[in-house]
């Protein structure tokens, strides 16, 4: 210990001096050798303060930075008494710690003193410290973050353009499909109108020639209508149709392949007889069909009217769709708008990123000006249990507060002392 009681005041050790302990009132003998720091020691017992540690020159240097009456102050709480290295008028204990200490001892002292800060003599193991300014690291992290922000808005722009290309392509396809549908509807409508105009003149021929083009029994509406209104008539003409089909008018290979060419190679007696047989039967069927002309003509006319009206409505609907597309879709203009809008959005977001970058750079330089990246090789894990602020003294003009596991904040020793030696200063 540094101070003893001579009955009148606190005194420091001098050669041959004797005094008393201010805690247990036992006799103290001054030790003033040339190797160890001058100190008091109990004459007949171990030190009565369980928090006691041998005093060093480093302890004295730190204690000397504070008023004498603040040094080695006796503090009693209930039945426990300990000496604080430094005790300020605000009730703050400053422990200057040179020796290793266990996590249990740290916890015990923090619990006893309450308001406490630690100053650790890190000079013996400072080579195990890696301390680097945090600002360059934070700026590097920010730079990486900004890079990904730029990358993301660039990809967003490219994605928007690709999606827009697809939409324009879909609209072009929609337009082509509408134009194609209108063209097909017009062609069908022209044919139907031609059939309608000539149906009463030569119904049987028209019917036979077009039976493969779905103008009667393959036409769903007409089939439904005739079957619903005249089942007997429906079955009669269906039978005629089936006979025509069976005789080969629609897909008999002998008739469809041989008759158009009249080739001697194929016109054998057998084939000619077959063709004549087919022609004769078809002629009889046409005559038979003509007998139904008035009745079937009415149904067929109705069917053609239905088809003409349906096609006309479909064509009008498709034309309205096409008109709408033409009114609101100009591929060149739309593409220009997409490029302009995407570029405008990209530049806007880029400007916002640049603004964010400048603000963050300013914040980093302001908030981390005295902060350092910290790595402690062979870390003394007992200090991880500390709840009070810890400051490292590595022998330069700064103290380094251990904020987080890998972060320190520096304070000049001059500013630290100015702050904690001011009795009116509030505790941080």
Protein backbone atom coordinates (compact mmCIF):
# COMPACT_ATOMS: atom_id res chain seq x y z
CA UNK A 1 0.00 0.00 0.00
CA UNK A 2 1.07 3.60 -0.57
CA UNK A 3 -0.35 5.38 2.49
CA UNK A 4 -0.35 4.69 6.23
CA UNK A 5 -1.72 6.58 9.28
CA UNK A 6 0.74 8.13 11.75
CA UNK A 7 -2.02 9.37 14.02
CA UNK A 8 -2.23 12.82 12.51
CA UNK A 9 -2.24 12.33 8.74
CA UNK A 10 -1.68 9.96 5.88
CA UNK A 11 2.00 9.51 5.09
CA UNK A 12 3.99 7.79 2.38
CA UNK A 13 6.77 5.34 3.32
CA UNK A 14 10.24 6.60 4.28
CA UNK A 15 13.21 4.51 5.31
CA UNK A 16 12.80 3.11 8.85
CA UNK A 17 9.31 4.58 9.33
CA UNK A 18 6.49 2.80 11.16
CA UNK A 19 2.77 3.64 11.10
CA UNK A 20 -0.65 2.04 11.32
CA UNK A 21 -3.10 0.56 8.82
CA UNK A 22 -6.21 2.66 8.34
CA UNK A 23 -8.35 -0.47 7.98
CA UNK A 24 -7.19 -2.93 10.67
CA UNK A 25 -5.05 -0.54 12.83
CA UNK A 26 -2.15 -3.02 12.70
CA UNK A 27 1.48 -1.86 12.61
CA UNK A 28 2.95 -1.15 9.18
CA UNK A 29 6.65 -1.09 8.30
CA UNK A 30 8.02 1.02 5.45
CA UNK A 31 9.88 -0.87 2.72
CA UNK A 32 12.14 1.48 0.79
CA UNK A 33 14.51 -0.63 -1.23
CA UNK A 34 16.12 0.06 -4.59
CA UNK A 35 14.22 -2.56 -6.63
CA UNK A 36 10.57 -2.40 -5.66
CA UNK A 37 8.46 0.72 -5.37
CA UNK A 38 8.50 2.12 -1.82
CA UNK A 39 5.48 0.80 0.06
CA UNK A 40 4.01 -0.09 3.42
CA UNK A 41 3.65 -3.66 4.60
CA UNK A 42 1.99 -5.24 7.66
CA UNK A 43 4.48 -6.26 10.31
CA UNK A 44 2.86 -9.48 11.56
CA UNK A 45 0.08 -10.45 9.09
CA UNK A 46 -1.00 -10.69 5.48
CA UNK A 47 -2.63 -7.64 3.93
CA UNK A 48 -6.07 -7.04 5.42
CA UNK A 49 -7.58 -5.88 2.09
CA UNK A 50 -8.50 -8.87 -0.10
CA UNK A 51 -8.36 -6.57 -3.13
CA UNK A 52 -4.70 -5.76 -2.40
CA UNK A 53 -2.14 -6.09 -5.18
CA UNK A 54 1.54 -5.10 -5.17
CA UNK A 55 2.01 -1.48 -6.14
CA UNK A 56 4.11 -0.62 -9.23
CA UNK A 57 5.65 2.51 -10.68
CA UNK A 58 2.87 2.50 -13.24
CA UNK A 59 0.30 2.61 -10.38
CA UNK A 60 2.06 5.60 -8.85
CA UNK A 61 2.17 7.46 -12.15
CA UNK A 62 -1.59 7.10 -12.60
CA UNK A 63 -2.44 7.93 -8.98
CA UNK A 64 -0.21 11.01 -9.18
CA UNK A 65 -2.39 12.36 -11.98
CA UNK A 66 -5.21 12.85 -9.44
CA UNK A 67 -5.39 14.90 -6.24
CA UNK A 68 -3.74 13.24 -3.21
CA UNK A 69 -6.96 12.94 -1.24
CA UNK A 70 -8.49 10.89 -4.13
CA UNK A 71 -5.74 8.23 -3.94
CA UNK A 72 -6.06 4.98 -1.99
CA UNK A 73 -9.39 5.95 -0.49
CA UNK A 74 -10.88 3.60 2.12
CA UNK A 75 -14.44 2.59 1.21
CA UNK A 76 -16.70 0.71 3.62
CA UNK A 77 -19.98 -0.95 2.66
CA UNK A 78 -21.62 -2.83 5.54
CA UNK A 79 -18.92 -5.09 6.99
CA UNK A 80 -16.59 -4.92 3.98
CA UNK A 81 -13.73 -2.42 3.62
CA UNK A 82 -11.50 -1.97 0.57
CA UNK A 83 -9.14 0.67 -0.80
CA UNK A 84 -9.88 2.21 -4.18
CA UNK A 85 -6.86 3.13 -6.28
CA UNK A 86 -8.62 6.40 -7.16
CA UNK A 87 -11.99 7.55 -5.83
CA UNK A 88 -13.55 10.75 -7.21
CA UNK A 89 -16.01 13.11 -5.47
CA UNK A 90 -18.70 11.85 -7.86
CA UNK A 91 -18.43 8.40 -6.29
CA UNK A 92 -16.49 6.87 -9.19
CA UNK A 93 -13.76 4.33 -8.53
CA UNK A 94 -10.86 4.14 -10.97
CA UNK A 95 -8.99 0.85 -10.70
CA UNK A 96 -5.54 0.88 -12.27
CA UNK A 97 -4.86 -2.79 -12.92
CA UNK A 98 -1.38 -4.13 -13.64
CA UNK A 99 -1.63 -7.78 -12.54
CA UNK A 100 -3.71 -10.55 -14.06
CA UNK A 101 -7.10 -10.93 -12.45
CA UNK A 102 -9.77 -13.62 -12.55
CA UNK A 103 -13.32 -13.13 -13.77
CA UNK A 104 -14.55 -13.80 -10.20
CA UNK A 105 -12.35 -11.01 -8.82
CA UNK A 106 -13.56 -8.65 -11.56
CA UNK A 107 -17.16 -9.42 -10.73
CA UNK A 108 -16.54 -9.01 -6.99
CA UNK A 109 -14.91 -5.58 -7.37
CA UNK A 110 -17.56 -4.29 -9.77
CA UNK A 111 -20.28 -5.40 -7.39
CA UNK A 112 -18.58 -3.72 -4.42
CA UNK A 113 -17.60 -0.41 -6.01
CA UNK A 114 -20.67 0.07 -8.24
CA UNK A 115 -19.51 3.02 -10.34
CA UNK A 116 -16.18 1.80 -11.68
CA UNK A 117 -13.83 2.10 -14.62
CA UNK A 118 -10.77 -0.02 -15.31
CA UNK A 119 -7.40 1.21 -16.59
CA UNK A 120 -5.38 -1.83 -17.60
CA UNK A 121 -1.59 -1.74 -17.97
CA UNK A 122 -1.36 -3.32 -21.43
CA UNK A 123 2.29 -2.39 -22.02
CA UNK A 124 3.65 -5.85 -21.11
CA UNK A 125 1.45 -7.54 -23.74
CA UNK A 126 0.73 -4.76 -26.23
CA UNK A 127 2.57 -6.72 -28.95
CA UNK A 128 -0.39 -9.10 -28.85
CA UNK A 129 -2.65 -6.25 -29.92
CA UNK A 130 -3.57 -5.44 -33.49
CA UNK A 131 -4.90 -1.89 -33.58
CA UNK A 132 -5.81 -0.32 -36.91
CA UNK A 133 -7.87 2.78 -37.72
CA UNK A 134 -11.49 1.80 -38.29
CA UNK A 135 -12.34 4.54 -40.80
CA UNK A 136 -10.50 2.94 -43.78
CA UNK A 137 -12.22 -0.38 -43.02
CA UNK A 138 -15.64 1.26 -42.76
CA UNK A 139 -15.01 3.18 -45.99
CA UNK A 140 -13.98 -0.10 -47.68
CA UNK A 141 -17.22 -1.72 -46.45
CA UNK A 142 -19.16 1.27 -47.74
CA UNK A 143 -17.39 1.07 -51.11
CA UNK A 144 -18.32 -2.62 -51.42
CA UNK A 145 -21.89 -1.82 -50.44
CA UNK A 146 -22.08 0.98 -53.03
CA UNK A 147 -20.70 -1.36 -55.69
CA UNK A 148 -23.52 -3.84 -55.07
CA UNK A 149 -26.07 -1.03 -55.03
CA UNK A 150 -24.82 0.11 -58.47
CA UNK A 151 -24.80 -3.48 -59.67
CA UNK A 152 -28.37 -4.02 -58.49
CA UNK A 153 -29.79 -0.90 -60.17
CA UNK A 154 -27.94 -1.78 -63.38
CA UNK A 155 -29.41 -5.29 -63.31
CA UNK A 156 -32.80 -3.80 -62.49
CA UNK A 157 -32.54 -1.55 -65.55
CA UNK A 158 -31.47 -4.46 -67.78
CA UNK A 159 -34.25 -6.65 -66.40
CA UNK A 160 -36.82 -3.90 -66.98
CA UNK A 161 -35.67 -3.52 -70.60
CA UNK A 162 -35.78 -7.29 -71.18
CA UNK A 163 -39.26 -7.57 -69.70
CA UNK A 164 -40.37 -4.56 -71.77
CA UNK A 165 -38.96 -6.15 -74.90
CA UNK A 166 -41.04 -9.21 -74.16
CA UNK A 167 -44.17 -7.09 -73.65
CA UNK A 168 -43.57 -5.25 -76.94
CA UNK A 169 -42.98 -8.57 -78.68
CA UNK A 170 -46.22 -9.93 -77.21
CA UNK A 171 -48.09 -6.87 -78.44
CA UNK A 172 -46.61 -7.30 -81.92
CA UNK A 173 -47.69 -10.93 -81.92
CA UNK A 174 -51.14 -9.91 -80.70
CA UNK A 175 -51.36 -7.39 -83.52
CA UNK A 176 -50.23 -9.92 -86.15
CA UNK A 177 -52.67 -12.48 -84.81
CA UNK A 178 -55.53 -9.99 -84.99
CA UNK A 179 -54.59 -9.04 -88.56
CA UNK A 180 -54.34 -12.72 -89.51
CA UNK A 181 -57.68 -13.52 -87.86
CA UNK A 182 -59.39 -10.65 -89.67
CA UNK A 183 -57.92 -11.82 -92.98
CA UNK A 184 -59.14 -15.39 -92.35
CA UNK A 185 -62.56 -14.18 -91.28
CA UNK A 186 -62.87 -12.09 -94.43
CA UNK A 187 -61.92 -15.04 -96.66
CA UNK A 188 -64.43 -17.34 -94.95
CA UNK A 189 -67.08 -14.66 -95.00
CA UNK A 190 -66.58 -14.10 -98.74
CA UNK A 191 -66.97 -17.81 -99.40
CA UNK A 192 -70.03 -18.11 -97.19
CA UNK A 193 -71.65 -15.10 -98.83
CA UNK A 194 -70.93 -16.64 -102.26
CA UNK A 195 -72.54 -19.90 -101.17
CA UNK A 196 -75.52 -18.04 -99.77
CA UNK A 197 -76.03 -16.17 -103.06
CA UNK A 198 -75.97 -19.36 -105.17
CA UNK A 199 -77.54 -21.88 -102.84
CA UNK A 200 -81.06 -21.78 -104.25
CA UNK A 201 -79.79 -21.94 -107.84
CA UNK A 202 -77.72 -25.08 -107.50
CA UNK A 203 -78.05 -26.33 -103.98
CA UNK A 204 -77.24 -30.00 -104.57
CA UNK A 205 -73.96 -29.32 -106.39
CA UNK A 206 -72.89 -26.80 -103.77
CA UNK A 207 -73.77 -29.17 -100.98
CA UNK A 208 -71.92 -32.13 -102.52
CA UNK A 209 -68.85 -30.07 -103.45
CA UNK A 210 -68.57 -28.52 -99.99
CA UNK A 211 -69.51 -31.41 -97.78
CA UNK A 212 -65.83 -31.90 -96.96
CA UNK A 213 -65.51 -28.29 -95.81
CA UNK A 214 -67.82 -28.62 -92.84
CA UNK A 215 -70.78 -26.64 -94.18
CA UNK A 216 -73.50 -29.05 -93.08
CA UNK A 217 -73.14 -32.03 -90.78
CA UNK A 218 -69.72 -31.04 -89.56
CA UNK A 219 -71.13 -27.60 -88.76
CA UNK A 220 -72.14 -27.86 -85.11
CA UNK A 221 -74.86 -25.22 -85.03
CA UNK A 222 -76.70 -26.61 -88.09
CA UNK A 223 -76.49 -30.18 -86.82
CA UNK A 224 -77.92 -29.15 -83.47
CA UNK A 225 -80.64 -27.09 -85.09
CA UNK A 226 -81.87 -29.76 -87.57
CA UNK A 227 -81.62 -32.56 -85.04
CA UNK A 228 -83.57 -30.57 -82.48
CA UNK A 229 -86.32 -29.49 -84.91
CA UNK A 230 -86.67 -32.43 -87.35
CA UNK A 231 -85.00 -35.66 -86.23
CA UNK A 232 -86.44 -37.76 -89.09
CA UNK A 233 -85.21 -35.35 -91.74
CA UNK A 234 -81.87 -35.15 -89.98
CA UNK A 235 -81.44 -38.95 -90.14
CA UNK A 236 -82.46 -39.04 -93.85
CA UNK A 237 -79.95 -36.51 -95.12
CA UNK A 238 -77.33 -37.91 -92.76
CA UNK A 239 -77.79 -41.29 -94.42
CA UNK A 240 -77.32 -39.71 -97.85
CA UNK A 241 -74.20 -37.96 -96.63
CA UNK A 242 -72.80 -41.22 -95.24
CA UNK A 243 -73.42 -42.98 -98.55
CA UNK A 244 -71.60 -40.24 -100.43
CA UNK A 245 -68.73 -40.63 -98.02
CA UNK A 246 -68.74 -44.44 -98.39
CA UNK A 247 -68.74 -44.20 -102.21
CA UNK A 248 -65.46 -42.35 -102.07
CA UNK A 249 -66.39 -38.77 -102.85
CA UNK A 250 -64.42 -37.61 -99.82
CA UNK A 251 -61.41 -39.89 -99.51
CA UNK A 252 -61.69 -42.92 -101.87
CA UNK A 253 -58.17 -43.25 -103.29
CA UNK A 254 -59.31 -44.75 -106.60
CA UNK A 255 -61.63 -41.86 -107.34
CA UNK A 256 -59.56 -38.95 -106.00
CA UNK A 257 -56.27 -40.09 -107.53
CA UNK A 258 -57.31 -41.60 -110.89
CA UNK A 259 -60.12 -39.46 -112.20
CA UNK A 260 -58.24 -36.11 -112.28
CA UNK A 261 -55.38 -37.52 -114.33
CA UNK A 262 -57.16 -39.98 -116.62
CA UNK A 263 -53.81 -41.77 -116.92
CA UNK A 264 -53.82 -44.86 -119.21
CA UNK A 265 -51.43 -46.51 -116.77
CA UNK A 266 -54.12 -46.57 -114.11
CA UNK A 267 -57.32 -46.62 -116.16
CA UNK A 268 -57.72 -50.35 -116.25
CA UNK A 269 -61.08 -51.85 -117.01
CA UNK A 270 -61.54 -52.62 -113.37
CA UNK A 271 -60.76 -49.06 -112.30
CA UNK A 272 -62.89 -47.52 -115.03
CA UNK A 273 -65.77 -49.73 -113.99
CA UNK A 274 -65.29 -48.63 -110.40
CA UNK A 275 -65.19 -44.95 -111.34
CA UNK A 276 -68.31 -45.33 -113.48
CA UNK A 277 -70.04 -47.11 -110.62
CA UNK A 278 -69.18 -44.31 -108.25
CA UNK A 279 -70.22 -41.61 -110.71
CA UNK A 280 -73.54 -43.35 -111.32
CA UNK A 281 -74.29 -43.69 -107.63
CA UNK A 282 -73.29 -40.09 -106.93
CA UNK A 283 -75.54 -38.93 -109.76
CA UNK A 284 -78.47 -40.87 -108.27
CA UNK A 285 -77.74 -39.42 -104.83
CA UNK A 286 -77.67 -35.90 -106.25
CA UNK A 287 -81.03 -36.49 -107.86
CA UNK A 288 -82.38 -37.90 -104.62
CA UNK A 289 -80.91 -34.96 -102.70
CA UNK A 290 -82.55 -32.50 -105.10
CA UNK A 291 -85.88 -33.83 -103.90
CA UNK A 292 -85.05 -32.44 -100.46
CA UNK A 293 -83.78 -29.16 -101.81
CA UNK A 294 -86.57 -26.86 -100.57
CA UNK A 295 -86.50 -28.18 -97.02
CA UNK A 296 -82.77 -28.62 -96.58
CA UNK A 297 -82.15 -25.36 -98.39
CA UNK A 298 -84.08 -23.57 -95.67
CA UNK A 299 -81.94 -25.20 -92.99
CA UNK A 300 -78.77 -24.62 -94.94
CA UNK A 301 -79.67 -20.98 -95.52
CA UNK A 302 -80.28 -20.63 -91.79
CA UNK A 303 -76.91 -22.23 -91.07
CA UNK A 304 -75.15 -19.92 -93.51
CA UNK A 305 -76.87 -16.91 -91.93
CA UNK A 306 -75.76 -18.05 -88.48
CA UNK A 307 -72.20 -18.55 -89.70
CA UNK A 308 -72.16 -15.24 -91.58
CA UNK A 309 -73.44 -13.40 -88.51
CA UNK A 310 -70.99 -15.18 -86.20
CA UNK A 311 -68.07 -14.50 -88.51
CA UNK A 312 -69.15 -10.89 -88.94
CA UNK A 313 -69.32 -10.42 -85.15
CA UNK A 314 -65.96 -12.12 -84.64
CA UNK A 315 -64.40 -10.01 -87.37
CA UNK A 316 -65.86 -6.82 -85.85
CA UNK A 317 -64.58 -7.78 -82.39
CA UNK A 318 -61.16 -8.55 -83.80
CA UNK A 319 -61.20 -5.26 -85.70
CA UNK A 320 -62.02 -3.38 -82.50
CA UNK A 321 -59.12 -5.12 -80.78
CA UNK A 322 -56.81 -4.23 -83.67
CA UNK A 323 -58.02 -0.61 -83.67
CA UNK A 324 -57.34 -0.42 -79.93
CA UNK A 325 -53.85 -1.86 -80.41
CA UNK A 326 -53.13 0.58 -83.26
CA UNK A 327 -54.43 3.54 -81.21
CA UNK A 328 -52.32 2.80 -78.14
CA UNK A 329 -49.37 0.86 -79.46
CA UNK A 330 -46.56 2.37 -81.44
CA UNK A 331 -43.60 -0.02 -81.07
CA UNK A 332 -40.97 2.57 -81.99
CA UNK A 333 -42.40 5.24 -79.70
CA UNK A 334 -43.00 2.76 -76.90
CA UNK A 335 -39.45 1.43 -77.15
CA UNK A 336 -38.08 4.98 -77.00
CA UNK A 337 -40.20 5.65 -73.91
CA UNK A 338 -38.97 2.48 -72.25
CA UNK A 339 -35.33 3.35 -72.87
CA UNK A 340 -35.83 6.94 -71.72
CA UNK A 341 -37.78 5.95 -68.60
CA UNK A 342 -35.35 3.21 -67.64
CA UNK A 343 -32.40 5.57 -68.10
CA UNK A 344 -34.16 8.30 -66.08
CA UNK A 345 -34.93 5.85 -63.25
CA UNK A 346 -31.36 4.56 -63.35
CA UNK A 347 -29.88 8.06 -63.15
CA UNK A 348 -32.27 9.00 -60.34
CA UNK A 349 -31.30 5.96 -58.29
CA UNK A 350 -27.63 6.52 -59.11
CA UNK A 351 -27.93 10.10 -57.84
CA UNK A 352 -29.57 8.84 -54.65
CA UNK A 353 -26.76 6.33 -54.17
CA UNK A 354 -24.14 9.05 -54.66
CA UNK A 355 -25.95 11.21 -52.09
CA UNK A 356 -26.12 8.26 -49.69
CA UNK A 357 -22.41 7.58 -50.27
CA UNK A 358 -21.41 11.15 -49.40
CA UNK A 359 -23.62 11.17 -46.31
CA UNK A 360 -22.28 7.83 -45.11
CA UNK A 361 -18.68 8.87 -45.74
CA UNK A 362 -19.28 11.99 -43.63
CA UNK A 363 -20.97 9.91 -40.91
CA UNK A 364 -18.12 7.41 -40.86
CA UNK A 365 -15.47 10.12 -40.63
CA UNK A 366 -17.46 11.86 -37.89
CA UNK A 367 -18.53 8.84 -35.84
CA UNK A 368 -15.40 6.70 -36.19
CA UNK A 369 -12.65 9.33 -36.13
CA UNK A 370 -11.16 7.88 -32.95
CA UNK A 371 -12.28 4.27 -33.43
CA UNK A 372 -9.98 1.35 -34.17
CA UNK A 373 -10.26 -2.23 -35.26
CA UNK A 374 -8.97 -4.38 -32.41
CA UNK A 375 -7.70 -7.95 -32.20
CA UNK A 376 -6.19 -9.37 -29.03
CA UNK A 377 -3.98 -12.38 -29.58
CA UNK A 378 -3.91 -14.67 -26.53
CA UNK A 379 -6.83 -12.70 -25.14
CA UNK A 380 -7.33 -12.69 -21.36
CA UNK A 381 -10.89 -13.95 -21.41
CA UNK A 382 -11.55 -12.97 -17.82
CA UNK A 383 -12.03 -9.39 -19.02
CA UNK A 384 -14.95 -10.49 -21.17
CA UNK A 385 -16.93 -10.78 -17.92
CA UNK A 386 -16.40 -7.12 -17.02
CA UNK A 387 -19.45 -4.86 -17.11
CA UNK A 388 -17.66 -1.60 -16.33
CA UNK A 389 -15.75 0.43 -18.95
CA UNK A 390 -12.24 -0.84 -19.72
CA UNK A 391 -9.39 1.39 -20.89
CA UNK A 392 -6.06 0.03 -22.16
CA UNK A 393 -2.84 1.95 -21.49
CA UNK A 394 -0.25 0.83 -24.08
CA UNK A 395 2.31 3.49 -23.12
CA UNK A 396 1.52 6.25 -25.63
CA UNK A 397 -0.44 9.47 -25.09
CA UNK A 398 -3.84 7.78 -25.45
CA UNK A 399 -6.15 5.47 -23.56
CA UNK A 400 -8.10 2.98 -25.65
CA UNK A 401 -11.57 2.09 -24.45
CA UNK A 402 -12.68 -1.43 -25.28
CA UNK A 403 -16.14 -0.83 -26.80
CA UNK A 404 -16.80 -4.15 -28.47
CA UNK A 405 -14.85 -7.36 -28.92
CA UNK A 406 -13.14 -6.00 -32.05
CA UNK A 407 -13.43 -2.26 -31.56
CA UNK A 408 -11.58 0.37 -29.50
CA UNK A 409 -12.09 4.09 -29.10
CA UNK A 410 -9.15 6.34 -28.27
CA UNK A 411 -9.09 9.23 -25.81
CA UNK A 412 -6.09 11.37 -25.18
CA UNK A 413 -4.86 10.97 -21.62
CA UNK A 414 -5.02 14.73 -21.30
CA UNK A 415 -8.75 14.86 -22.19
CA UNK A 416 -9.46 11.79 -20.01
CA UNK A 417 -7.86 13.43 -16.98
CA UNK A 418 -9.53 16.76 -17.67
CA UNK A 419 -12.88 15.06 -17.73
CA UNK A 420 -12.51 12.88 -14.62
CA UNK A 421 -10.62 15.44 -12.52
CA UNK A 422 -13.47 17.91 -12.88
CA UNK A 423 -15.68 17.45 -9.80
CA UNK A 424 -18.65 19.03 -11.53
CA UNK A 425 -18.44 16.77 -14.54
CA UNK A 426 -21.27 14.26 -14.97
CA UNK A 427 -20.27 10.65 -15.45
CA UNK A 428 -20.41 9.18 -18.94
